[in-house]
Amino acid sequence: MATATYPPPPPYYKLYKQYSQDPDSAPEPPPPVQGPYVLYGANYTTDDVLPGLEEQGVRQLYPEGPNIDFKKELRSLNRELQLHMLELADVLVERPSQYARRVEDISLIFKNLHHLLNSLRPHQARATLIHILELQIERRKQAVEDIRRRREEAQRLLKDALGTLDGT
C-alpha cells in the first residue's frame, strides 16, 4: 500500500489550464461577503458599527445623541474617575471591607471612557488619512521641484557643452 506524502491539490487548478495562453480565461473571484457570516463557529458581520453601552449591559454615564461634546464628556468622566479613585483610597483606609462598590463604579467609568474614545476612532482615522495624503502631496511637490531644478541644470550643462564644442 503506497501513501502520498502530500494530499492531491484541490480540483480548482483545472480551472486555470488555459491561463498561460489566455489570461482572461481564469474565473472571476467570488464577490465580497456582505452582511452576517459565521467564521469558526462565531457570528460576525461586515457592518462596522460600534455597539452601544446599553446593548452590552453597561449603564451609560454621558448623554446619547449625535451631538455629543466629546471633549466636555471626556473631561467630566476623567474628573469623576479622579474623585472615585480618591474615594476608593479613603474607603480602603477607613472601611476596607466596602471597597467592592467603589471598584465597580470605577470600572463603569472606565468602560464609558473606553466607549467614548472608541466612538472617536472614525474621526481619528479620517484625520490620519488626511495627514498622510497631505504629506504625500508635499513630497510629490518637492520631487517635482527637484526634477525641474535638475532639468534646468542639465539644460545649462548641455548649453555649456554645445558652446564649448561650437567654439573649438
N, C-alpha and C. Protein backbone atom coordinates (compact mmCIF):
# COMPACT_ATOMS: atom_id res chain seq x y z
N MET A 1 0.85 -1.18 0.00
CA MET A 1 0.00 0.00 0.00
C MET A 1 0.89 1.23 0.00
N ALA A 2 0.76 2.06 -1.02
CA ALA A 2 1.56 3.28 -1.14
C ALA A 2 0.79 4.45 -0.57
N THR A 3 1.50 5.30 0.11
CA THR A 3 0.86 6.50 0.65
C THR A 3 1.58 7.72 0.10
N ALA A 4 0.83 8.77 -0.11
CA ALA A 4 1.40 10.01 -0.65
C ALA A 4 1.86 10.89 0.51
N THR A 5 2.98 11.56 0.29
CA THR A 5 3.48 12.47 1.31
C THR A 5 2.57 13.68 1.45
N TYR A 6 2.11 14.18 0.32
CA TYR A 6 1.23 15.35 0.33
C TYR A 6 -0.11 14.95 -0.28
N PRO A 7 -1.20 15.56 0.19
CA PRO A 7 -2.50 15.26 -0.43
C PRO A 7 -2.56 15.85 -1.83
N PRO A 8 -3.45 15.35 -2.67
CA PRO A 8 -3.56 15.90 -4.03
C PRO A 8 -4.08 17.34 -3.96
N PRO A 9 -3.76 18.14 -4.97
CA PRO A 9 -4.24 19.53 -4.94
C PRO A 9 -5.75 19.56 -5.12
N PRO A 10 -6.37 20.65 -4.69
CA PRO A 10 -7.81 20.76 -4.89
C PRO A 10 -8.12 20.85 -6.37
N PRO A 11 -9.32 20.49 -6.77
CA PRO A 11 -9.65 20.45 -8.20
C PRO A 11 -9.70 21.83 -8.86
N TYR A 12 -9.50 22.91 -8.11
CA TYR A 12 -9.59 24.24 -8.69
C TYR A 12 -8.50 24.49 -9.74
N TYR A 13 -7.39 23.80 -9.66
CA TYR A 13 -6.31 24.06 -10.61
C TYR A 13 -6.75 23.77 -12.04
N LYS A 14 -7.75 22.92 -12.22
CA LYS A 14 -8.23 22.61 -13.56
C LYS A 14 -8.88 23.82 -14.24
N LEU A 15 -9.31 24.78 -13.44
CA LEU A 15 -9.95 25.98 -13.99
C LEU A 15 -8.93 26.90 -14.67
N TYR A 16 -7.64 26.66 -14.42
CA TYR A 16 -6.59 27.55 -14.93
C TYR A 16 -5.72 26.88 -16.00
N LYS A 17 -6.22 25.86 -16.66
CA LYS A 17 -5.43 25.13 -17.66
C LYS A 17 -5.00 26.04 -18.81
N GLN A 18 -5.89 26.89 -19.28
CA GLN A 18 -5.61 27.73 -20.44
C GLN A 18 -5.06 29.11 -20.04
N TYR A 19 -4.70 29.32 -18.78
CA TYR A 19 -4.30 30.64 -18.30
C TYR A 19 -3.05 31.17 -19.00
N SER A 20 -2.07 30.29 -19.28
CA SER A 20 -0.83 30.77 -19.90
C SER A 20 -1.08 31.28 -21.32
N GLN A 21 -2.04 30.70 -22.05
CA GLN A 21 -2.34 31.17 -23.40
C GLN A 21 -3.33 32.35 -23.37
N ASP A 22 -4.31 32.29 -22.47
CA ASP A 22 -5.35 33.31 -22.40
C ASP A 22 -5.59 33.68 -20.94
N PRO A 23 -4.96 34.75 -20.44
CA PRO A 23 -5.14 35.13 -19.04
C PRO A 23 -6.57 35.48 -18.67
N ASP A 24 -7.39 35.85 -19.67
CA ASP A 24 -8.78 36.18 -19.38
C ASP A 24 -9.65 34.94 -19.16
N SER A 25 -9.08 33.74 -19.35
CA SER A 25 -9.87 32.52 -19.18
C SER A 25 -10.04 32.15 -17.71
N ALA A 26 -9.30 32.79 -16.81
CA ALA A 26 -9.42 32.47 -15.38
C ALA A 26 -10.78 32.91 -14.86
N PRO A 27 -11.34 32.17 -13.93
CA PRO A 27 -12.65 32.56 -13.38
C PRO A 27 -12.53 33.84 -12.56
N GLU A 28 -13.62 34.56 -12.48
CA GLU A 28 -13.67 35.77 -11.68
C GLU A 28 -13.60 35.40 -10.20
N PRO A 29 -13.03 36.26 -9.37
CA PRO A 29 -13.02 35.97 -7.93
C PRO A 29 -14.43 36.05 -7.37
N PRO A 30 -14.68 35.37 -6.27
CA PRO A 30 -16.03 35.43 -5.69
C PRO A 30 -16.32 36.84 -5.17
N PRO A 31 -17.59 37.20 -5.12
CA PRO A 31 -17.93 38.55 -4.62
C PRO A 31 -17.61 38.65 -3.12
N PRO A 32 -17.36 39.86 -2.63
CA PRO A 32 -17.09 40.02 -1.19
C PRO A 32 -18.32 39.65 -0.36
N VAL A 33 -18.07 39.19 0.83
CA VAL A 33 -19.15 38.80 1.73
C VAL A 33 -19.85 40.06 2.21
N GLN A 34 -21.16 40.05 2.20
CA GLN A 34 -21.97 41.17 2.70
C GLN A 34 -22.87 40.66 3.81
N GLY A 35 -22.99 41.44 4.87
CA GLY A 35 -23.90 41.09 5.97
C GLY A 35 -23.26 40.11 6.93
N PRO A 36 -24.10 39.36 7.65
CA PRO A 36 -23.56 38.45 8.67
C PRO A 36 -22.97 37.18 8.06
N TYR A 37 -21.97 36.61 8.73
CA TYR A 37 -21.37 35.35 8.32
C TYR A 37 -20.83 34.64 9.55
N VAL A 38 -20.57 33.35 9.40
CA VAL A 38 -20.06 32.54 10.50
C VAL A 38 -18.62 32.16 10.18
N LEU A 39 -17.72 32.35 11.15
CA LEU A 39 -16.32 32.00 10.99
C LEU A 39 -15.89 31.27 12.25
N TYR A 40 -15.48 30.03 12.09
CA TYR A 40 -15.04 29.19 13.21
C TYR A 40 -16.08 29.13 14.32
N GLY A 41 -17.34 29.09 13.94
CA GLY A 41 -18.41 28.94 14.91
C GLY A 41 -18.88 30.24 15.54
N ALA A 42 -18.24 31.35 15.26
CA ALA A 42 -18.65 32.65 15.82
C ALA A 42 -19.32 33.48 14.73
N ASN A 43 -20.35 34.21 15.11
CA ASN A 43 -21.07 35.05 14.16
C ASN A 43 -20.40 36.41 14.05
N TYR A 44 -20.19 36.87 12.82
CA TYR A 44 -19.61 38.17 12.53
C TYR A 44 -20.48 38.87 11.51
N THR A 45 -20.26 40.17 11.37
CA THR A 45 -20.97 40.94 10.36
C THR A 45 -19.99 41.88 9.67
N THR A 46 -20.28 42.23 8.44
CA THR A 46 -19.42 43.16 7.72
C THR A 46 -19.77 44.60 8.04
N ASP A 47 -20.86 44.82 8.75
CA ASP A 47 -21.23 46.17 9.16
C ASP A 47 -20.30 46.61 10.28
N ASP A 48 -19.66 47.75 10.10
CA ASP A 48 -18.70 48.24 11.09
C ASP A 48 -19.40 49.24 11.99
N VAL A 49 -20.15 48.73 12.95
CA VAL A 49 -20.94 49.57 13.83
C VAL A 49 -20.49 49.31 15.27
N LEU A 50 -20.25 50.40 16.00
CA LEU A 50 -19.87 50.29 17.40
C LEU A 50 -21.13 50.03 18.22
N PRO A 51 -21.21 48.88 18.91
CA PRO A 51 -22.41 48.61 19.71
C PRO A 51 -22.49 49.59 20.88
N GLY A 52 -23.71 49.95 21.23
CA GLY A 52 -23.93 50.87 22.33
C GLY A 52 -23.63 50.22 23.67
N LEU A 53 -23.45 51.06 24.67
CA LEU A 53 -23.17 50.54 26.02
C LEU A 53 -24.37 49.77 26.57
N GLU A 54 -25.56 50.28 26.29
CA GLU A 54 -26.77 49.62 26.79
C GLU A 54 -26.90 48.21 26.21
N GLU A 55 -26.48 48.05 24.94
CA GLU A 55 -26.54 46.73 24.31
C GLU A 55 -25.58 45.76 25.00
N GLN A 56 -24.51 46.29 25.58
CA GLN A 56 -23.52 45.45 26.25
C GLN A 56 -23.84 45.27 27.73
N GLY A 57 -24.95 45.84 28.18
CA GLY A 57 -25.35 45.70 29.58
C GLY A 57 -24.60 46.63 30.52
N VAL A 58 -24.13 47.76 30.00
CA VAL A 58 -23.39 48.73 30.81
C VAL A 58 -24.18 50.03 30.83
N ARG A 59 -24.31 50.63 32.02
CA ARG A 59 -25.03 51.89 32.15
C ARG A 59 -24.20 53.01 31.53
N GLN A 60 -24.86 53.84 30.72
CA GLN A 60 -24.17 54.94 30.04
C GLN A 60 -24.22 56.17 30.92
N LEU A 61 -23.07 56.79 31.17
CA LEU A 61 -22.96 57.93 32.07
C LEU A 61 -22.98 59.28 31.35
N TYR A 62 -22.95 59.27 30.03
CA TYR A 62 -22.97 60.51 29.27
C TYR A 62 -24.21 60.52 28.38
N PRO A 63 -24.66 61.70 27.93
CA PRO A 63 -25.91 61.76 27.14
C PRO A 63 -25.75 61.09 25.78
N GLU A 64 -26.86 60.57 25.30
CA GLU A 64 -26.87 59.94 23.97
C GLU A 64 -27.18 60.99 22.91
N GLY A 65 -26.93 60.63 21.69
CA GLY A 65 -27.27 61.51 20.58
C GLY A 65 -26.08 61.78 19.69
N PRO A 66 -26.36 62.34 18.50
CA PRO A 66 -25.27 62.60 17.55
C PRO A 66 -24.44 63.83 17.90
N ASN A 67 -24.97 64.72 18.73
CA ASN A 67 -24.27 65.98 19.02
C ASN A 67 -23.61 65.95 20.40
N ILE A 68 -22.79 64.94 20.62
CA ILE A 68 -22.09 64.81 21.90
C ILE A 68 -20.84 65.69 21.85
N ASP A 69 -20.62 66.47 22.91
CA ASP A 69 -19.39 67.24 23.04
C ASP A 69 -18.37 66.31 23.69
N PHE A 70 -17.55 65.66 22.84
CA PHE A 70 -16.64 64.63 23.33
C PHE A 70 -15.64 65.19 24.35
N LYS A 71 -15.13 66.37 24.07
CA LYS A 71 -14.13 66.95 24.96
C LYS A 71 -14.73 67.17 26.35
N LYS A 72 -15.93 67.74 26.39
CA LYS A 72 -16.60 68.02 27.67
C LYS A 72 -16.89 66.72 28.42
N GLU A 73 -17.42 65.73 27.70
CA GLU A 73 -17.78 64.47 28.36
C GLU A 73 -16.56 63.71 28.85
N LEU A 74 -15.48 63.72 28.05
CA LEU A 74 -14.26 63.04 28.49
C LEU A 74 -13.67 63.72 29.72
N ARG A 75 -13.69 65.05 29.75
CA ARG A 75 -13.20 65.76 30.93
C ARG A 75 -14.06 65.45 32.15
N SER A 76 -15.36 65.44 31.96
CA SER A 76 -16.25 65.17 33.09
C SER A 76 -16.05 63.75 33.61
N LEU A 77 -15.92 62.78 32.71
CA LEU A 77 -15.67 61.41 33.16
C LEU A 77 -14.30 61.29 33.82
N ASN A 78 -13.32 62.02 33.33
CA ASN A 78 -11.99 61.99 33.93
C ASN A 78 -12.03 62.55 35.36
N ARG A 79 -12.75 63.68 35.55
CA ARG A 79 -12.89 64.24 36.91
C ARG A 79 -13.61 63.27 37.82
N GLU A 80 -14.65 62.65 37.28
CA GLU A 80 -15.40 61.69 38.07
C GLU A 80 -14.53 60.49 38.45
N LEU A 81 -13.69 60.07 37.53
CA LEU A 81 -12.77 58.97 37.80
C LEU A 81 -11.78 59.35 38.91
N GLN A 82 -11.25 60.56 38.85
CA GLN A 82 -10.33 61.02 39.88
C GLN A 82 -11.01 61.05 41.24
N LEU A 83 -12.23 61.56 41.28
CA LEU A 83 -13.00 61.60 42.52
C LEU A 83 -13.21 60.20 43.08
N HIS A 84 -13.60 59.27 42.22
CA HIS A 84 -13.84 57.89 42.67
C HIS A 84 -12.55 57.22 43.13
N MET A 85 -11.44 57.55 42.51
CA MET A 85 -10.15 56.99 42.96
C MET A 85 -9.83 57.47 44.37
N LEU A 86 -10.05 58.77 44.62
CA LEU A 86 -9.82 59.30 45.96
C LEU A 86 -10.77 58.66 46.98
N GLU A 87 -12.02 58.49 46.57
CA GLU A 87 -12.98 57.84 47.46
C GLU A 87 -12.57 56.40 47.74
N LEU A 88 -12.06 55.71 46.72
CA LEU A 88 -11.59 54.33 46.92
C LEU A 88 -10.43 54.29 47.90
N ALA A 89 -9.50 55.23 47.77
CA ALA A 89 -8.38 55.28 48.72
C ALA A 89 -8.89 55.54 50.13
N ASP A 90 -9.87 56.44 50.25
CA ASP A 90 -10.45 56.74 51.56
C ASP A 90 -11.15 55.52 52.14
N VAL A 91 -11.93 54.82 51.31
CA VAL A 91 -12.65 53.62 51.76
C VAL A 91 -11.67 52.53 52.16
N LEU A 92 -10.59 52.37 51.41
CA LEU A 92 -9.61 51.34 51.74
C LEU A 92 -8.93 51.62 53.08
N VAL A 93 -8.80 52.89 53.43
CA VAL A 93 -8.18 53.23 54.72
C VAL A 93 -9.17 53.07 55.86
N GLU A 94 -10.40 53.57 55.66
CA GLU A 94 -11.37 53.59 56.76
C GLU A 94 -12.21 52.32 56.86
N ARG A 95 -12.70 51.80 55.73
CA ARG A 95 -13.59 50.63 55.73
C ARG A 95 -13.16 49.66 54.63
N PRO A 96 -12.08 48.92 54.82
CA PRO A 96 -11.54 48.08 53.74
C PRO A 96 -12.51 47.03 53.21
N SER A 97 -13.49 46.63 53.98
CA SER A 97 -14.41 45.59 53.52
C SER A 97 -15.44 46.11 52.52
N GLN A 98 -15.55 47.43 52.37
CA GLN A 98 -16.58 48.02 51.50
C GLN A 98 -16.00 48.59 50.21
N TYR A 99 -14.90 48.04 49.74
CA TYR A 99 -14.24 48.59 48.56
C TYR A 99 -14.88 48.13 47.25
N ALA A 100 -15.61 47.02 47.25
CA ALA A 100 -16.11 46.42 46.01
C ALA A 100 -17.01 47.37 45.21
N ARG A 101 -17.89 48.11 45.93
CA ARG A 101 -18.80 49.02 45.22
C ARG A 101 -18.01 50.13 44.52
N ARG A 102 -16.99 50.64 45.15
CA ARG A 102 -16.17 51.70 44.55
C ARG A 102 -15.42 51.17 43.32
N VAL A 103 -14.94 49.96 43.39
CA VAL A 103 -14.24 49.36 42.25
C VAL A 103 -15.20 49.18 41.09
N GLU A 104 -16.44 48.78 41.36
CA GLU A 104 -17.45 48.64 40.31
C GLU A 104 -17.74 49.99 39.66
N ASP A 105 -17.83 51.06 40.49
CA ASP A 105 -18.07 52.40 39.95
C ASP A 105 -16.92 52.83 39.05
N ILE A 106 -15.69 52.56 39.48
CA ILE A 106 -14.52 52.92 38.68
C ILE A 106 -14.51 52.12 37.38
N SER A 107 -14.89 50.84 37.45
CA SER A 107 -14.96 50.02 36.25
C SER A 107 -15.99 50.57 35.27
N LEU A 108 -17.13 51.03 35.79
CA LEU A 108 -18.18 51.61 34.95
C LEU A 108 -17.66 52.88 34.26
N ILE A 109 -16.95 53.71 35.00
CA ILE A 109 -16.41 54.95 34.41
C ILE A 109 -15.39 54.60 33.32
N PHE A 110 -14.52 53.63 33.59
CA PHE A 110 -13.54 53.23 32.58
C PHE A 110 -14.22 52.70 31.31
N LYS A 111 -15.28 51.92 31.48
CA LYS A 111 -15.99 51.39 30.31
C LYS A 111 -16.61 52.52 29.49
N ASN A 112 -17.15 53.53 30.18
CA ASN A 112 -17.73 54.68 29.47
C ASN A 112 -16.65 55.49 28.76
N LEU A 113 -15.51 55.70 29.43
CA LEU A 113 -14.40 56.40 28.79
C LEU A 113 -13.92 55.64 27.55
N HIS A 114 -13.79 54.34 27.69
CA HIS A 114 -13.33 53.50 26.59
C HIS A 114 -14.31 53.58 25.41
N HIS A 115 -15.60 53.54 25.70
CA HIS A 115 -16.60 53.60 24.64
C HIS A 115 -16.58 54.96 23.95
N LEU A 116 -16.44 56.02 24.72
CA LEU A 116 -16.37 57.35 24.11
C LEU A 116 -15.16 57.46 23.19
N LEU A 117 -14.01 56.97 23.65
CA LEU A 117 -12.81 57.02 22.83
C LEU A 117 -12.95 56.17 21.58
N ASN A 118 -13.57 55.00 21.70
CA ASN A 118 -13.78 54.15 20.52
C ASN A 118 -14.73 54.80 19.52
N SER A 119 -15.68 55.60 20.00
CA SER A 119 -16.58 56.26 19.06
C SER A 119 -15.86 57.38 18.31
N LEU A 120 -14.69 57.81 18.79
CA LEU A 120 -13.90 58.81 18.08
C LEU A 120 -12.95 58.19 17.05
N ARG A 121 -12.83 56.87 17.00
CA ARG A 121 -11.89 56.22 16.09
C ARG A 121 -12.13 56.58 14.62
N PRO A 122 -13.37 56.62 14.13
CA PRO A 122 -13.54 57.01 12.71
C PRO A 122 -13.01 58.41 12.41
N HIS A 123 -13.21 59.34 13.35
CA HIS A 123 -12.70 60.70 13.15
C HIS A 123 -11.16 60.68 13.15
N GLN A 124 -10.59 59.88 14.05
CA GLN A 124 -9.13 59.78 14.11
C GLN A 124 -8.59 59.19 12.81
N ALA A 125 -9.25 58.15 12.31
CA ALA A 125 -8.80 57.52 11.06
C ALA A 125 -8.87 58.50 9.90
N ARG A 126 -9.95 59.28 9.84
CA ARG A 126 -10.10 60.26 8.77
C ARG A 126 -9.01 61.33 8.86
N ALA A 127 -8.76 61.82 10.07
CA ALA A 127 -7.72 62.85 10.25
C ALA A 127 -6.34 62.29 9.91
N THR A 128 -6.09 61.05 10.29
CA THR A 128 -4.80 60.42 9.97
C THR A 128 -4.63 60.28 8.47
N LEU A 129 -5.68 59.86 7.79
CA LEU A 129 -5.63 59.71 6.33
C LEU A 129 -5.39 61.06 5.66
N ILE A 130 -6.06 62.09 6.12
CA ILE A 130 -5.86 63.43 5.56
C ILE A 130 -4.41 63.86 5.74
N HIS A 131 -3.86 63.62 6.93
CA HIS A 131 -2.47 63.99 7.21
C HIS A 131 -1.51 63.23 6.30
N ILE A 132 -1.73 61.94 6.13
CA ILE A 132 -0.87 61.12 5.26
C ILE A 132 -0.94 61.63 3.82
N LEU A 133 -2.14 61.93 3.34
CA LEU A 133 -2.29 62.43 1.97
C LEU A 133 -1.62 63.79 1.79
N GLU A 134 -1.73 64.65 2.81
CA GLU A 134 -1.06 65.95 2.72
C GLU A 134 0.46 65.77 2.66
N LEU A 135 0.99 64.84 3.45
CA LEU A 135 2.43 64.57 3.40
C LEU A 135 2.85 64.04 2.03
N GLN A 136 2.04 63.16 1.46
CA GLN A 136 2.34 62.62 0.13
C GLN A 136 2.33 63.74 -0.92
N ILE A 137 1.35 64.63 -0.83
CA ILE A 137 1.29 65.75 -1.78
C ILE A 137 2.53 66.62 -1.64
N GLU A 138 2.92 66.91 -0.39
CA GLU A 138 4.11 67.74 -0.17
C GLU A 138 5.36 67.07 -0.72
N ARG A 139 5.51 65.76 -0.48
CA ARG A 139 6.67 65.03 -1.01
C ARG A 139 6.68 65.04 -2.53
N ARG A 140 5.53 64.88 -3.14
CA ARG A 140 5.47 64.88 -4.61
C ARG A 140 5.78 66.26 -5.17
N LYS A 141 5.32 67.30 -4.50
CA LYS A 141 5.65 68.66 -4.95
C LYS A 141 7.15 68.88 -4.84
N GLN A 142 7.76 68.41 -3.77
CA GLN A 142 9.20 68.54 -3.63
C GLN A 142 9.94 67.75 -4.71
N ALA A 143 9.43 66.56 -5.02
CA ALA A 143 10.06 65.73 -6.06
C ALA A 143 9.96 66.43 -7.42
N VAL A 144 8.80 67.00 -7.72
CA VAL A 144 8.62 67.71 -8.99
C VAL A 144 9.56 68.91 -9.05
N GLU A 145 9.67 69.64 -7.94
CA GLU A 145 10.58 70.79 -7.91
C GLU A 145 12.03 70.35 -8.08
N ASP A 146 12.39 69.24 -7.48
CA ASP A 146 13.74 68.70 -7.63
C ASP A 146 14.01 68.30 -9.08
N ILE A 147 13.02 67.67 -9.71
CA ILE A 147 13.17 67.27 -11.12
C ILE A 147 13.33 68.51 -12.00
N ARG A 148 12.53 69.56 -11.75
CA ARG A 148 12.65 70.79 -12.53
C ARG A 148 14.04 71.42 -12.36
N ARG A 149 14.49 71.46 -11.11
CA ARG A 149 15.80 72.05 -10.85
C ARG A 149 16.90 71.26 -11.56
N ARG A 150 16.82 69.94 -11.52
CA ARG A 150 17.84 69.10 -12.19
C ARG A 150 17.75 69.23 -13.71
N ARG A 151 16.52 69.38 -14.22
CA ARG A 151 16.35 69.56 -15.66
C ARG A 151 16.99 70.86 -16.12
N GLU A 152 16.74 71.93 -15.36
CA GLU A 152 17.35 73.21 -15.70
C GLU A 152 18.87 73.13 -15.63
N GLU A 153 19.38 72.42 -14.63
CA GLU A 153 20.83 72.25 -14.51
C GLU A 153 21.39 71.45 -15.69
N ALA A 154 20.65 70.40 -16.09
CA ALA A 154 21.10 69.59 -17.23
C ALA A 154 21.05 70.41 -18.52
N GLN A 155 20.00 71.22 -18.69
CA GLN A 155 19.92 72.07 -19.88
C GLN A 155 21.07 73.08 -19.90
N ARG A 156 21.41 73.66 -18.75
CA ARG A 156 22.52 74.60 -18.68
C ARG A 156 23.83 73.90 -19.04
N LEU A 157 24.02 72.66 -18.51
CA LEU A 157 25.24 71.92 -18.82
C LEU A 157 25.32 71.59 -20.32
N LEU A 158 24.17 71.23 -20.91
CA LEU A 158 24.15 70.94 -22.36
C LEU A 158 24.49 72.19 -23.17
N LYS A 159 23.93 73.34 -22.78
CA LYS A 159 24.25 74.59 -23.49
C LYS A 159 25.74 74.90 -23.37
N ASP A 160 26.28 74.70 -22.17
CA ASP A 160 27.72 74.94 -21.98
C ASP A 160 28.54 74.00 -22.84
N ALA A 161 28.13 72.74 -22.89
CA ALA A 161 28.87 71.76 -23.69
C ALA A 161 28.77 72.09 -25.17
N LEU A 162 27.58 72.47 -25.63
CA LEU A 162 27.42 72.88 -27.05
C LEU A 162 28.25 74.13 -27.34
N GLY A 163 28.29 75.05 -26.39
CA GLY A 163 29.09 76.26 -26.58
C GLY A 163 30.56 75.95 -26.69
N THR A 164 31.03 75.02 -25.91
CA THR A 164 32.47 74.65 -25.99
C THR A 164 32.74 73.89 -27.27
N LEU A 165 31.81 73.06 -27.75
CA LEU A 165 32.00 72.33 -29.00
C LEU A 165 31.98 73.29 -30.19
N ASP A 166 31.08 74.28 -30.17
CA ASP A 166 30.99 75.24 -31.26
C ASP A 166 32.22 76.15 -31.27
N GLY A 167 32.79 76.41 -30.13
CA GLY A 167 33.93 77.31 -30.04
C GLY A 167 35.22 76.65 -30.47
N THR A 168 35.30 75.33 -30.58
CA THR A 168 36.54 74.66 -30.97
C THR A 168 36.70 74.52 -32.43
